[in-house]
Amino acid sequence: MANQVEEFNAYRLKMNDKILADDNKVIKRIFNLDTNAYKEGHLNVKTKELLGLVASAVLRCDDCIKYHLETCFKEGVTKEEVMETLSIATLVGGTIVIPHLRRAYEFWEELVKNQVKLND
């Protein structure tokens, strides 16, 4: 049985492939802009991903939160850094962000659990 990280990534890949196969120039440019915005620049990737995490939480986009959490995890962000980042997002976004905070915490735990499985 797939876990939520695997399910999220499989669905995202499948649907992105379908969307990009339609060859819509505007959508392709938006995807490209998003990819390039998060590359190393004056800000490092880790910082950009944490900023993306805050924006995603404040905007209450669970898919975006998952994406940025996984990228943060791959960039070596610690749980403490994630929680401090999400605390700022919750402060800025207000209590309506709390359900997204819960799901973010759960997804982070799944990322850690998957990493432990890979290392066994």
PDB file of N, CA and C in Angstrom:
ATOM      1  N   MET A   1       0.841  -1.183   0.000  1.00  0.00           N
ATOM      2  CA  MET A   1       0.000   0.000   0.000  1.00  0.00           C
ATOM      3  C   MET A   1       0.889   1.251   0.000  1.00  0.00           C
ATOM      4  N   ALA A   2       0.601   2.178  -0.890  1.00  0.00           N
ATOM      5  CA  ALA A   2       1.399   3.390  -1.006  1.00  0.00           C
ATOM      6  C   ALA A   2       1.102   4.332   0.156  1.00  0.00           C
ATOM      7  N   ASN A   3       2.102   5.044   0.584  1.00  0.00           N
ATOM      8  CA  ASN A   3       1.888   6.039   1.628  1.00  0.00           C
ATOM      9  C   ASN A   3       1.539   7.374   0.980  1.00  0.00           C
ATOM     10  N   GLN A   4       1.202   8.360   1.794  1.00  0.00           N
ATOM     11  CA  GLN A   4       0.731   9.622   1.238  1.00  0.00           C
ATOM     12  C   GLN A   4       1.800  10.364   0.437  1.00  0.00           C
ATOM     13  N   VAL A   5       3.072  10.187   0.755  1.00  0.00           N
ATOM     14  CA  VAL A   5       4.140  10.824  -0.017  1.00  0.00           C
ATOM     15  C   VAL A   5       4.192  10.214  -1.410  1.00  0.00           C
ATOM     16  N   GLU A   6       4.177   8.889  -1.476  1.00  0.00           N
ATOM     17  CA  GLU A   6       4.207   8.207  -2.775  1.00  0.00           C
ATOM     18  C   GLU A   6       2.964   8.523  -3.589  1.00  0.00           C
ATOM     19  N   GLU A   7       1.800   8.520  -2.953  1.00  0.00           N
ATOM     20  CA  GLU A   7       0.553   8.830  -3.649  1.00  0.00           C
ATOM     21  C   GLU A   7       0.569  10.254  -4.194  1.00  0.00           C
ATOM     22  N   PHE A   8       1.019  11.195  -3.382  1.00  0.00           N
ATOM     23  CA  PHE A   8       1.086  12.586  -3.810  1.00  0.00           C
ATOM     24  C   PHE A   8       2.001  12.738  -5.015  1.00  0.00           C
ATOM     25  N   ASN A   9       3.191  12.153  -4.947  1.00  0.00           N
ATOM     26  CA  ASN A   9       4.153  12.286  -6.038  1.00  0.00           C
ATOM     27  C   ASN A   9       3.686  11.584  -7.314  1.00  0.00           C
ATOM     28  N   ALA A  10       3.072  10.419  -7.187  1.00  0.00           N
ATOM     29  CA  ALA A  10       2.576   9.697  -8.359  1.00  0.00           C
ATOM     30  C   ALA A  10       1.470  10.495  -9.053  1.00  0.00           C
ATOM     31  N   TYR A  11       0.540  11.014  -8.271  1.00  0.00           N
ATOM     32  CA  TYR A  11      -0.553  11.799  -8.839  1.00  0.00           C
ATOM     33  C   TYR A  11      -0.024  13.076  -9.494  1.00  0.00           C
ATOM     34  N   ARG A  12       0.868  13.759  -8.808  1.00  0.00           N
ATOM     35  CA  ARG A  12       1.441  15.008  -9.335  1.00  0.00           C
ATOM     36  C   ARG A  12       2.155  14.757 -10.659  1.00  0.00           C
ATOM     37  N   LEU A  13       2.956  13.708 -10.720  1.00  0.00           N
ATOM     38  CA  LEU A  13       3.681  13.369 -11.946  1.00  0.00           C
ATOM     39  C   LEU A  13       2.718  13.022 -13.081  1.00  0.00           C
ATOM     40  N   LYS A  14       1.733  12.180 -12.779  1.00  0.00           N
ATOM     41  CA  LYS A  14       0.760  11.764 -13.792  1.00  0.00           C
ATOM     42  C   LYS A  14       0.021  12.973 -14.368  1.00  0.00           C
ATOM     43  N   MET A  15      -0.470  13.815 -13.495  1.00  0.00           N
ATOM     44  CA  MET A  15      -1.262  14.946 -13.964  1.00  0.00           C
ATOM     45  C   MET A  15      -0.403  16.019 -14.638  1.00  0.00           C
ATOM     46  N   ASN A  16       0.799  16.256 -14.135  1.00  0.00           N
ATOM     47  CA  ASN A  16       1.687  17.211 -14.807  1.00  0.00           C
ATOM     48  C   ASN A  16       2.010  16.730 -16.212  1.00  0.00           C
ATOM     49  N   ASP A  17       2.271  15.439 -16.358  1.00  0.00           N
ATOM     50  CA  ASP A  17       2.547  14.884 -17.686  1.00  0.00           C
ATOM     51  C   ASP A  17       1.371  15.097 -18.628  1.00  0.00           C
ATOM     52  N   LYS A  18       0.158  14.852 -18.146  1.00  0.00           N
ATOM     53  CA  LYS A  18      -1.035  15.043 -18.968  1.00  0.00           C
ATOM     54  C   LYS A  18      -1.214  16.513 -19.352  1.00  0.00           C
ATOM     55  N   ILE A  19      -1.057  17.382 -18.373  1.00  0.00           N
ATOM     56  CA  ILE A  19      -1.236  18.819 -18.625  1.00  0.00           C
ATOM     57  C   ILE A  19      -0.203  19.325 -19.621  1.00  0.00           C
ATOM     58  N   LEU A  20       1.048  18.959 -19.423  1.00  0.00           N
ATOM     59  CA  LEU A  20       2.108  19.426 -20.316  1.00  0.00           C
ATOM     60  C   LEU A  20       2.000  18.813 -21.711  1.00  0.00           C
ATOM     61  N   ALA A  21       1.417  17.626 -21.820  1.00  0.00           N
ATOM     62  CA  ALA A  21       1.241  16.971 -23.121  1.00  0.00           C
ATOM     63  C   ALA A  21       0.267  17.739 -24.008  1.00  0.00           C
ATOM     64  N   ASP A  22      -0.609  18.544 -23.411  1.00  0.00           N
ATOM     65  CA  ASP A  22      -1.541  19.354 -24.197  1.00  0.00           C
ATOM     66  C   ASP A  22      -0.844  20.509 -24.910  1.00  0.00           C
ATOM     67  N   ASP A  23       0.413  20.751 -24.588  1.00  0.00           N
ATOM     68  CA  ASP A  23       1.255  21.730 -25.266  1.00  0.00           C
ATOM     69  C   ASP A  23       0.687  23.146 -25.232  1.00  0.00           C
ATOM     70  N   ASN A  24       0.151  23.538 -24.066  1.00  0.00           N
ATOM     71  CA  ASN A  24      -0.341  24.900 -23.880  1.00  0.00           C
ATOM     72  C   ASN A  24       0.843  25.783 -23.515  1.00  0.00           C
ATOM     73  N   LYS A  25       1.133  26.745 -24.362  1.00  0.00           N
ATOM     74  CA  LYS A  25       2.319  27.587 -24.202  1.00  0.00           C
ATOM     75  C   LYS A  25       2.302  28.366 -22.874  1.00  0.00           C
ATOM     76  N   VAL A  26       1.156  28.887 -22.487  1.00  0.00           N
ATOM     77  CA  VAL A  26       1.067  29.672 -21.249  1.00  0.00           C
ATOM     78  C   VAL A  26       1.349  28.785 -20.038  1.00  0.00           C
ATOM     79  N   ILE A  27       0.713  27.611 -19.997  1.00  0.00           N
ATOM     80  CA  ILE A  27       0.931  26.708 -18.862  1.00  0.00           C
ATOM     81  C   ILE A  27       2.387  26.254 -18.811  1.00  0.00           C
ATOM     82  N   LYS A  28       2.962  25.924 -19.956  1.00  0.00           N
ATOM     83  CA  LYS A  28       4.373  25.528 -19.974  1.00  0.00           C
ATOM     84  C   LYS A  28       5.271  26.647 -19.457  1.00  0.00           C
ATOM     85  N   ARG A  29       4.958  27.874 -19.805  1.00  0.00           N
ATOM     86  CA  ARG A  29       5.761  29.009 -19.329  1.00  0.00           C
ATOM     87  C   ARG A  29       5.601  29.209 -17.830  1.00  0.00           C
ATOM     88  N   ILE A  30       4.384  29.013 -17.314  1.00  0.00           N
ATOM     89  CA  ILE A  30       4.163  29.139 -15.870  1.00  0.00           C
ATOM     90  C   ILE A  30       4.948  28.059 -15.127  1.00  0.00           C
ATOM     91  N   PHE A  31       4.885  26.813 -15.614  1.00  0.00           N
ATOM     92  CA  PHE A  31       5.643  25.726 -14.985  1.00  0.00           C
ATOM     93  C   PHE A  31       7.139  26.047 -15.011  1.00  0.00           C
ATOM     94  N   ASN A  32       7.619  26.557 -16.142  1.00  0.00           N
ATOM     95  CA  ASN A  32       9.033  26.885 -16.288  1.00  0.00           C
ATOM     96  C   ASN A  32       9.438  28.012 -15.353  1.00  0.00           C
ATOM     97  N   LEU A  33       8.594  29.026 -15.252  1.00  0.00           N
ATOM     98  CA  LEU A  33       8.870  30.146 -14.356  1.00  0.00           C
ATOM     99  C   LEU A  33       8.953  29.661 -12.912  1.00  0.00           C
ATOM    100  N   ASP A  34       8.023  28.791 -12.524  1.00  0.00           N
ATOM    101  CA  ASP A  34       8.020  28.239 -11.172  1.00  0.00           C
ATOM    102  C   ASP A  34       9.313  27.471 -10.911  1.00  0.00           C
ATOM    103  N   THR A  35       9.705  26.626 -11.845  1.00  0.00           N
ATOM    104  CA  THR A  35      10.940  25.842 -11.702  1.00  0.00           C
ATOM    105  C   THR A  35      12.153  26.750 -11.544  1.00  0.00           C
ATOM    106  N   ASN A  36      12.238  27.756 -12.395  1.00  0.00           N
ATOM    107  CA  ASN A  36      13.405  28.637 -12.365  1.00  0.00           C
ATOM    108  C   ASN A  36      13.426  29.560 -11.158  1.00  0.00           C
ATOM    109  N   ALA A  37      12.267  29.938 -10.660  1.00  0.00           N
ATOM    110  CA  ALA A  37      12.210  30.834  -9.497  1.00  0.00           C
ATOM    111  C   ALA A  37      12.823  30.191  -8.253  1.00  0.00           C
ATOM    112  N   TYR A  38      12.736  28.875  -8.152  1.00  0.00           N
ATOM    113  CA  TYR A  38      13.230  28.183  -6.954  1.00  0.00           C
ATOM    114  C   TYR A  38      14.657  27.671  -7.097  1.00  0.00           C
ATOM    115  N   LYS A  39      15.324  28.001  -8.207  1.00  0.00           N
ATOM    116  CA  LYS A  39      16.728  27.616  -8.367  1.00  0.00           C
ATOM    117  C   LYS A  39      17.620  28.542  -7.551  1.00  0.00           C
ATOM    118  N   GLU A  40      18.824  28.066  -7.288  1.00  0.00           N
ATOM    119  CA  GLU A  40      19.826  28.842  -6.565  1.00  0.00           C
ATOM    120  C   GLU A  40      19.998  30.203  -7.232  1.00  0.00           C
ATOM    121  N   GLY A  41      20.037  31.241  -6.432  1.00  0.00           N
ATOM    122  CA  GLY A  41      20.242  32.603  -6.934  1.00  0.00           C
ATOM    123  C   GLY A  41      20.867  33.421  -5.827  1.00  0.00           C
ATOM    124  N   HIS A  42      20.418  34.649  -5.671  1.00  0.00           N
ATOM    125  CA  HIS A  42      20.896  35.457  -4.545  1.00  0.00           C
ATOM    126  C   HIS A  42      20.454  34.831  -3.223  1.00  0.00           C
ATOM    127  N   LEU A  43      19.307  34.144  -3.260  1.00  0.00           N
ATOM    128  CA  LEU A  43      18.867  33.340  -2.121  1.00  0.00           C
ATOM    129  C   LEU A  43      19.160  31.886  -2.438  1.00  0.00           C
ATOM    130  N   ASN A  44      19.553  31.124  -1.429  1.00  0.00           N
ATOM    131  CA  ASN A  44      19.797  29.703  -1.671  1.00  0.00           C
ATOM    132  C   ASN A  44      18.462  28.951  -1.770  1.00  0.00           C
ATOM    133  N   VAL A  45      18.519  27.734  -2.281  1.00  0.00           N
ATOM    134  CA  VAL A  45      17.318  26.927  -2.503  1.00  0.00           C
ATOM    135  C   VAL A  45      16.558  26.698  -1.198  1.00  0.00           C
ATOM    136  N   LYS A  46      17.277  26.411  -0.139  1.00  0.00           N
ATOM    137  CA  LYS A  46      16.635  26.163   1.162  1.00  0.00           C
ATOM    138  C   LYS A  46      15.780  27.356   1.580  1.00  0.00           C
ATOM    139  N   THR A  47      16.326  28.551   1.485  1.00  0.00           N
ATOM    140  CA  THR A  47      15.588  29.757   1.861  1.00  0.00           C
ATOM    141  C   THR A  47      14.366  29.946   0.975  1.00  0.00           C
ATOM    142  N   LYS A  48      14.537  29.749  -0.327  1.00  0.00           N
ATOM    143  CA  LYS A  48      13.416  29.904  -1.254  1.00  0.00           C
ATOM    144  C   LYS A  48      12.306  28.904  -0.954  1.00  0.00           C
ATOM    145  N   GLU A  49      12.676  27.682  -0.622  1.00  0.00           N
ATOM    146  CA  GLU A  49      11.667  26.668  -0.311  1.00  0.00           C
ATOM    147  C   GLU A  49      10.931  26.994   0.987  1.00  0.00           C
ATOM    148  N   LEU A  50      11.646  27.511   1.979  1.00  0.00           N
ATOM    149  CA  LEU A  50      10.987  27.915   3.216  1.00  0.00           C
ATOM    150  C   LEU A  50      10.036  29.086   2.969  1.00  0.00           C
ATOM    151  N   LEU A  51      10.438  30.010   2.102  1.00  0.00           N
ATOM    152  CA  LEU A  51       9.537  31.107   1.727  1.00  0.00           C
ATOM    153  C   LEU A  51       8.305  30.564   0.996  1.00  0.00           C
ATOM    154  N   GLY A  52       8.533  29.606   0.097  1.00  0.00           N
ATOM    155  CA  GLY A  52       7.414  28.975  -0.604  1.00  0.00           C
ATOM    156  C   GLY A  52       6.486  28.257   0.356  1.00  0.00           C
ATOM    157  N   LEU A  53       7.053  27.652   1.379  1.00  0.00           N
ATOM    158  CA  LEU A  53       6.257  26.962   2.394  1.00  0.00           C
ATOM    159  C   LEU A  53       5.367  27.948   3.153  1.00  0.00           C
ATOM    160  N   VAL A  54       5.916  29.079   3.534  1.00  0.00           N
ATOM    161  CA  VAL A  54       5.122  30.094   4.228  1.00  0.00           C
ATOM    162  C   VAL A  54       3.981  30.573   3.335  1.00  0.00           C
ATOM    163  N   ALA A  55       4.311  30.926   2.099  1.00  0.00           N
ATOM    164  CA  ALA A  55       3.278  31.429   1.185  1.00  0.00           C
ATOM    165  C   ALA A  55       2.199  30.377   0.959  1.00  0.00           C
ATOM    166  N   SER A  56       2.597  29.128   0.793  1.00  0.00           N
ATOM    167  CA  SER A  56       1.642  28.052   0.553  1.00  0.00           C
ATOM    168  C   SER A  56       0.727  27.828   1.743  1.00  0.00           C
ATOM    169  N   ALA A  57       1.286  27.914   2.948  1.00  0.00           N
ATOM    170  CA  ALA A  57       0.470  27.737   4.153  1.00  0.00           C
ATOM    171  C   ALA A  57      -0.515  28.898   4.311  1.00  0.00           C
ATOM    172  N   VAL A  58      -0.026  30.111   4.111  1.00  0.00           N
ATOM    173  CA  VAL A  58      -0.903  31.280   4.246  1.00  0.00           C
ATOM    174  C   VAL A  58      -2.017  31.231   3.199  1.00  0.00           C
ATOM    175  N   LEU A  59      -1.686  30.770   2.002  1.00  0.00           N
ATOM    176  CA  LEU A  59      -2.694  30.653   0.940  1.00  0.00           C
ATOM    177  C   LEU A  59      -3.527  29.374   1.068  1.00  0.00           C
ATOM    178  N   ARG A  60      -3.161  28.520   2.021  1.00  0.00           N
ATOM    179  CA  ARG A  60      -3.889  27.300   2.352  1.00  0.00           C
ATOM    180  C   ARG A  60      -3.965  26.314   1.175  1.00  0.00           C
ATOM    181  N   CYS A  61      -2.812  26.098   0.554  1.00  0.00           N
ATOM    182  CA  CYS A  61      -2.720  25.140  -0.558  1.00  0.00           C
ATOM    183  C   CYS A  61      -1.984  23.886  -0.072  1.00  0.00           C
ATOM    184  N   ASP A  62      -2.742  22.843   0.262  1.00  0.00           N
ATOM    185  CA  ASP A  62      -2.124  21.620   0.798  1.00  0.00           C
ATOM    186  C   ASP A  62      -1.155  20.966  -0.185  1.00  0.00           C
ATOM    187  N   ASP A  63      -1.486  20.948  -1.479  1.00  0.00           N
ATOM    188  CA  ASP A  63      -0.556  20.375  -2.451  1.00  0.00           C
ATOM    189  C   ASP A  63       0.761  21.143  -2.467  1.00  0.00           C
ATOM    190  N   CYS A  64       0.677  22.456  -2.446  1.00  0.00           N
ATOM    191  CA  CYS A  64       1.885  23.278  -2.444  1.00  0.00           C
ATOM    192  C   CYS A  64       2.693  23.063  -1.167  1.00  0.00           C
ATOM    193  N   ILE A  65       1.998  22.969  -0.050  1.00  0.00           N
ATOM    194  CA  ILE A  65       2.671  22.715   1.228  1.00  0.00           C
ATOM    195  C   ILE A  65       3.443  21.399   1.145  1.00  0.00           C
ATOM    196  N   LYS A  66       2.801  20.352   0.635  1.00  0.00           N
ATOM    197  CA  LYS A  66       3.470  19.050   0.512  1.00  0.00           C
ATOM    198  C   LYS A  66       4.690  19.144  -0.392  1.00  0.00           C
ATOM    199  N   TYR A  67       4.525  19.816  -1.515  1.00  0.00           N
ATOM    200  CA  TYR A  67       5.644  19.952  -2.454  1.00  0.00           C
ATOM    201  C   TYR A  67       6.828  20.645  -1.774  1.00  0.00           C
ATOM    202  N   HIS A  68       6.567  21.770  -1.114  1.00  0.00           N
ATOM    203  CA  HIS A  68       7.658  22.508  -0.475  1.00  0.00           C
ATOM    204  C   HIS A  68       8.233  21.758   0.719  1.00  0.00           C
ATOM    205  N   LEU A  69       7.397  21.046   1.456  1.00  0.00           N
ATOM    206  CA  LEU A  69       7.914  20.235   2.560  1.00  0.00           C
ATOM    207  C   LEU A  69       8.880  19.172   2.052  1.00  0.00           C
ATOM    208  N   GLU A  70       8.496  18.484   0.990  1.00  0.00           N
ATOM    209  CA  GLU A  70       9.373  17.435   0.472  1.00  0.00           C
ATOM    210  C   GLU A  70      10.684  18.007  -0.055  1.00  0.00           C
ATOM    211  N   THR A  71      10.603  19.143  -0.738  1.00  0.00           N
ATOM    212  CA  THR A  71      11.830  19.765  -1.238  1.00  0.00           C
ATOM    213  C   THR A  71      12.686  20.258  -0.077  1.00  0.00           C
ATOM    214  N   CYS A  72      12.058  20.826   0.944  1.00  0.00           N
ATOM    215  CA  CYS A  72      12.800  21.232   2.146  1.00  0.00           C
ATOM    216  C   CYS A  72      13.505  20.030   2.768  1.00  0.00           C
ATOM    217  N   PHE A  73      12.788  18.923   2.864  1.00  0.00           N
ATOM    218  CA  PHE A  73      13.357  17.703   3.438  1.00  0.00           C
ATOM    219  C   PHE A  73      14.596  17.273   2.653  1.00  0.00           C
ATOM    220  N   LYS A  74      14.473  17.286   1.328  1.00  0.00           N
ATOM    221  CA  LYS A  74      15.602  16.909   0.463  1.00  0.00           C
ATOM    222  C   LYS A  74      16.767  17.891   0.576  1.00  0.00           C
ATOM    223  N   GLU A  75      16.467  19.134   0.918  1.00  0.00           N
ATOM    224  CA  GLU A  75      17.504  20.162   1.075  1.00  0.00           C
ATOM    225  C   GLU A  75      18.147  20.134   2.466  1.00  0.00           C
ATOM    226  N   GLY A  76      17.695  19.228   3.310  1.00  0.00           N
ATOM    227  CA  GLY A  76      18.294  19.090   4.628  1.00  0.00           C
ATOM    228  C   GLY A  76      17.727  20.017   5.692  1.00  0.00           C
ATOM    229  N   VAL A  77      16.564  20.576   5.434  1.00  0.00           N
ATOM    230  CA  VAL A  77      15.917  21.424   6.434  1.00  0.00           C
ATOM    231  C   VAL A  77      15.531  20.549   7.627  1.00  0.00           C
ATOM    232  N   THR A  78      15.735  21.064   8.808  1.00  0.00           N
ATOM    233  CA  THR A  78      15.406  20.301  10.020  1.00  0.00           C
ATOM    234  C   THR A  78      13.933  20.472  10.376  1.00  0.00           C
ATOM    235  N   LYS A  79      13.444  19.570  11.203  1.00  0.00           N
ATOM    236  CA  LYS A  79      12.070  19.669  11.689  1.00  0.00           C
ATOM    237  C   LYS A  79      11.881  20.989  12.432  1.00  0.00           C
ATOM    238  N   GLU A  80      12.864  21.372  13.203  1.00  0.00           N
ATOM    239  CA  GLU A  80      12.772  22.612  13.963  1.00  0.00           C
ATOM    240  C   GLU A  80      12.657  23.823  13.035  1.00  0.00           C
ATOM    241  N   GLU A  81      13.409  23.804  11.938  1.00  0.00           N
ATOM    242  CA  GLU A  81      13.323  24.905  10.965  1.00  0.00           C
ATOM    243  C   GLU A  81      11.951  24.931  10.295  1.00  0.00           C
ATOM    244  N   VAL A  82      11.423  23.758   9.971  1.00  0.00           N
ATOM    245  CA  VAL A  82      10.099  23.672   9.367  1.00  0.00           C
ATOM    246  C   VAL A  82       9.045  24.200  10.331  1.00  0.00           C
ATOM    247  N   MET A  83       9.118  23.777  11.573  1.00  0.00           N
ATOM    248  CA  MET A  83       8.113  24.203  12.549  1.00  0.00           C
ATOM    249  C   MET A  83       8.197  25.706  12.825  1.00  0.00           C
ATOM    250  N   GLU A  84       9.399  26.252  12.848  1.00  0.00           N
ATOM    251  CA  GLU A  84       9.517  27.698  13.031  1.00  0.00           C
ATOM    252  C   GLU A  84       8.940  28.434  11.828  1.00  0.00           C
ATOM    253  N   THR A  85       9.188  27.914  10.645  1.00  0.00           N
ATOM    254  CA  THR A  85       8.639  28.495   9.422  1.00  0.00           C
ATOM    255  C   THR A  85       7.116  28.421   9.429  1.00  0.00           C
ATOM    256  N   LEU A  86       6.591  27.255   9.803  1.00  0.00           N
ATOM    257  CA  LEU A  86       5.130  27.100   9.848  1.00  0.00           C
ATOM    258  C   LEU A  86       4.508  27.922  10.964  1.00  0.00           C
ATOM    259  N   SER A  87       5.252  28.194  12.021  1.00  0.00           N
ATOM    260  CA  SER A  87       4.713  29.052  13.078  1.00  0.00           C
ATOM    261  C   SER A  87       4.549  30.480  12.562  1.00  0.00           C
ATOM    262  N   ILE A  88       5.480  30.941  11.755  1.00  0.00           N
ATOM    263  CA  ILE A  88       5.357  32.268  11.145  1.00  0.00           C
ATOM    264  C   ILE A  88       4.168  32.292  10.194  1.00  0.00           C
ATOM    265  N   ALA A  89       4.023  31.232   9.394  1.00  0.00           N
ATOM    266  CA  ALA A  89       2.890  31.151   8.463  1.00  0.00           C
ATOM    267  C   ALA A  89       1.565  31.174   9.210  1.00  0.00           C
ATOM    268  N   THR A  90       1.503  30.477  10.332  1.00  0.00           N
ATOM    269  CA  THR A  90       0.271  30.441  11.125  1.00  0.00           C
ATOM    270  C   THR A  90       0.002  31.804  11.757  1.00  0.00           C
ATOM    271  N   LEU A  91       1.031  32.466  12.197  1.00  0.00           N
ATOM    272  CA  LEU A  91       0.885  33.814  12.745  1.00  0.00           C
ATOM    273  C   LEU A  91       0.354  34.768  11.674  1.00  0.00           C
ATOM    274  N   VAL A  92       0.959  34.735  10.509  1.00  0.00           N
ATOM    275  CA  VAL A  92       0.562  35.638   9.427  1.00  0.00           C
ATOM    276  C   VAL A  92      -0.827  35.279   8.893  1.00  0.00           C
ATOM    277  N   GLY A  93      -1.072  33.984   8.713  1.00  0.00           N
ATOM    278  CA  GLY A  93      -2.330  33.541   8.119  1.00  0.00           C
ATOM    279  C   GLY A  93      -3.492  33.455   9.085  1.00  0.00           C
ATOM    280  N   GLY A  94      -3.203  33.354  10.363  1.00  0.00           N
ATOM    281  CA  GLY A  94      -4.254  33.266  11.367  1.00  0.00           C
ATOM    282  C   GLY A  94      -4.662  31.825  11.648  1.00  0.00           C
ATOM    283  N   THR A  95      -5.616  31.672  12.530  1.00  0.00           N
ATOM    284  CA  THR A  95      -6.005  30.345  12.988  1.00  0.00           C
ATOM    285  C   THR A  95      -6.608  29.477  11.884  1.00  0.00           C
ATOM    286  N   ILE A  96      -7.051  30.086  10.784  1.00  0.00           N
ATOM    287  CA  ILE A  96      -7.584  29.299   9.673  1.00  0.00           C
ATOM    288  C   ILE A  96      -6.505  28.408   9.055  1.00  0.00           C
ATOM    289  N   VAL A  97      -5.236  28.706   9.325  1.00  0.00           N
ATOM    290  CA  VAL A  97      -4.112  27.920   8.801  1.00  0.00           C
ATOM    291  C   VAL A  97      -3.870  26.654   9.629  1.00  0.00           C
ATOM    292  N   ILE A  98      -4.412  26.588  10.836  1.00  0.00           N
ATOM    293  CA  ILE A  98      -4.130  25.469  11.739  1.00  0.00           C
ATOM    294  C   ILE A  98      -4.443  24.097  11.121  1.00  0.00           C
ATOM    295  N   PRO A  99      -5.556  23.895  10.420  1.00  0.00           N
ATOM    296  CA  PRO A  99      -5.763  22.573   9.800  1.00  0.00           C
ATOM    297  C   PRO A  99      -4.660  22.212   8.799  1.00  0.00           C
ATOM    298  N   HIS A 100      -4.130  23.204   8.113  1.00  0.00           N
ATOM    299  CA  HIS A 100      -3.042  22.964   7.152  1.00  0.00           C
ATOM    300  C   HIS A 100      -1.735  22.684   7.882  1.00  0.00           C
ATOM    301  N   LEU A 101      -1.573  23.313   9.034  1.00  0.00           N
ATOM    302  CA  LEU A 101      -0.428  23.036   9.898  1.00  0.00           C
ATOM    303  C   LEU A 101      -0.453  21.575  10.337  1.00  0.00           C
ATOM    304  N   ARG A 102      -1.640  21.095  10.721  1.00  0.00           N
ATOM    305  CA  ARG A 102      -1.761  19.689  11.135  1.00  0.00           C
ATOM    306  C   ARG A 102      -1.361  18.741  10.001  1.00  0.00           C
ATOM    307  N   ARG A 103      -1.889  19.005   8.810  1.00  0.00           N
ATOM    308  CA  ARG A 103      -1.579  18.126   7.672  1.00  0.00           C
ATOM    309  C   ARG A 103      -0.105  18.233   7.273  1.00  0.00           C
ATOM    310  N   ALA A 104       0.460  19.416   7.405  1.00  0.00           N
ATOM    311  CA  ALA A 104       1.882  19.596   7.108  1.00  0.00           C
ATOM    312  C   ALA A 104       2.738  18.786   8.079  1.00  0.00           C
ATOM    313  N   TYR A 105       2.383  18.841   9.355  1.00  0.00           N
ATOM    314  CA  TYR A 105       3.115  18.089  10.378  1.00  0.00           C
ATOM    315  C   TYR A 105       3.047  16.593  10.076  1.00  0.00           C
ATOM    316  N   GLU A 106       1.856  16.125   9.727  1.00  0.00           N
ATOM    317  CA  GLU A 106       1.663  14.713   9.401  1.00  0.00           C
ATOM    318  C   GLU A 106       2.484  14.313   8.170  1.00  0.00           C
ATOM    319  N   PHE A 107       2.521  15.171   7.152  1.00  0.00           N
ATOM    320  CA  PHE A 107       3.281  14.872   5.938  1.00  0.00           C
ATOM    321  C   PHE A 107       4.781  14.837   6.242  1.00  0.00           C
ATOM    322  N   TRP A 108       5.250  15.760   7.081  1.00  0.00           N
ATOM    323  CA  TRP A 108       6.668  15.765   7.476  1.00  0.00           C
ATOM    324  C   TRP A 108       7.015  14.445   8.173  1.00  0.00           C
ATOM    325  N   GLU A 109       6.132  13.994   9.073  1.00  0.00           N
ATOM    326  CA  GLU A 109       6.366  12.708   9.740  1.00  0.00           C
ATOM    327  C   GLU A 109       6.470  11.566   8.729  1.00  0.00           C
ATOM    328  N   GLU A 110       5.654  11.620   7.696  1.00  0.00           N
ATOM    329  CA  GLU A 110       5.692  10.587   6.648  1.00  0.00           C
ATOM    330  C   GLU A 110       7.011  10.651   5.873  1.00  0.00           C
ATOM    331  N   LEU A 111       7.494  11.857   5.608  1.00  0.00           N
ATOM    332  CA  LEU A 111       8.792  12.007   4.936  1.00  0.00           C
ATOM    333  C   LEU A 111       9.905  11.401   5.783  1.00  0.00           C
ATOM    334  N   VAL A 112       9.881  11.664   7.074  1.00  0.00           N
ATOM    335  CA  VAL A 112      10.894  11.109   7.988  1.00  0.00           C
ATOM    336  C   VAL A 112      10.786   9.598   8.025  1.00  0.00           C
ATOM    337  N   LYS A 113       9.571   9.098   8.133  1.00  0.00           N
ATOM    338  CA  LYS A 113       9.338   7.648   8.190  1.00  0.00           C
ATOM    339  C   LYS A 113       9.869   6.969   6.914  1.00  0.00           C
ATOM    340  N   ASN A 114       9.613   7.574   5.764  1.00  0.00           N
ATOM    341  CA  ASN A 114      10.106   7.034   4.488  1.00  0.00           C
ATOM    342  C   ASN A 114      11.618   7.006   4.445  1.00  0.00           C
ATOM    343  N   GLN A 115      12.242   8.053   4.971  1.00  0.00           N
ATOM    344  CA  GLN A 115      13.709   8.125   4.985  1.00  0.00           C
ATOM    345  C   GLN A 115      14.278   7.024   5.870  1.00  0.00           C
ATOM    346  N   VAL A 116      13.652   6.778   6.998  1.00  0.00           N
ATOM    347  CA  VAL A 116      14.102   5.723   7.911  1.00  0.00           C
ATOM    348  C   VAL A 116      13.998   4.378   7.207  1.00  0.00           C
ATOM    349  N   LYS A 117      12.884   4.146   6.483  1.00  0.00           N
ATOM    350  CA  LYS A 117      12.709   2.891   5.740  1.00  0.00           C
ATOM    351  C   LYS A 117      13.790   2.707   4.694  1.00  0.00           C
ATOM    352  N   LEU A 118      14.142   3.801   4.000  1.00  0.00           N
ATOM    353  CA  LEU A 118      15.174   3.729   2.956  1.00  0.00           C
ATOM    354  C   LEU A 118      16.538   3.415   3.541  1.00  0.00           C
ATOM    355  N   ASN A 119      16.802   3.871   4.755  1.00  0.00           N
ATOM    356  CA  ASN A 119      18.098   3.668   5.389  1.00  0.00           C
ATOM    357  C   ASN A 119      18.216   2.305   6.072  1.00  0.00           C
ATOM    358  N   ASP A 120      17.101   1.592   6.242  1.00  0.00           N
ATOM    359  CA  ASP A 120      17.146   0.267   6.883  1.00  0.00           C
ATOM    360  C   ASP A 120      17.680  -0.797   5.965  1.00  0.00           C
TER     361      ASP A 120
END
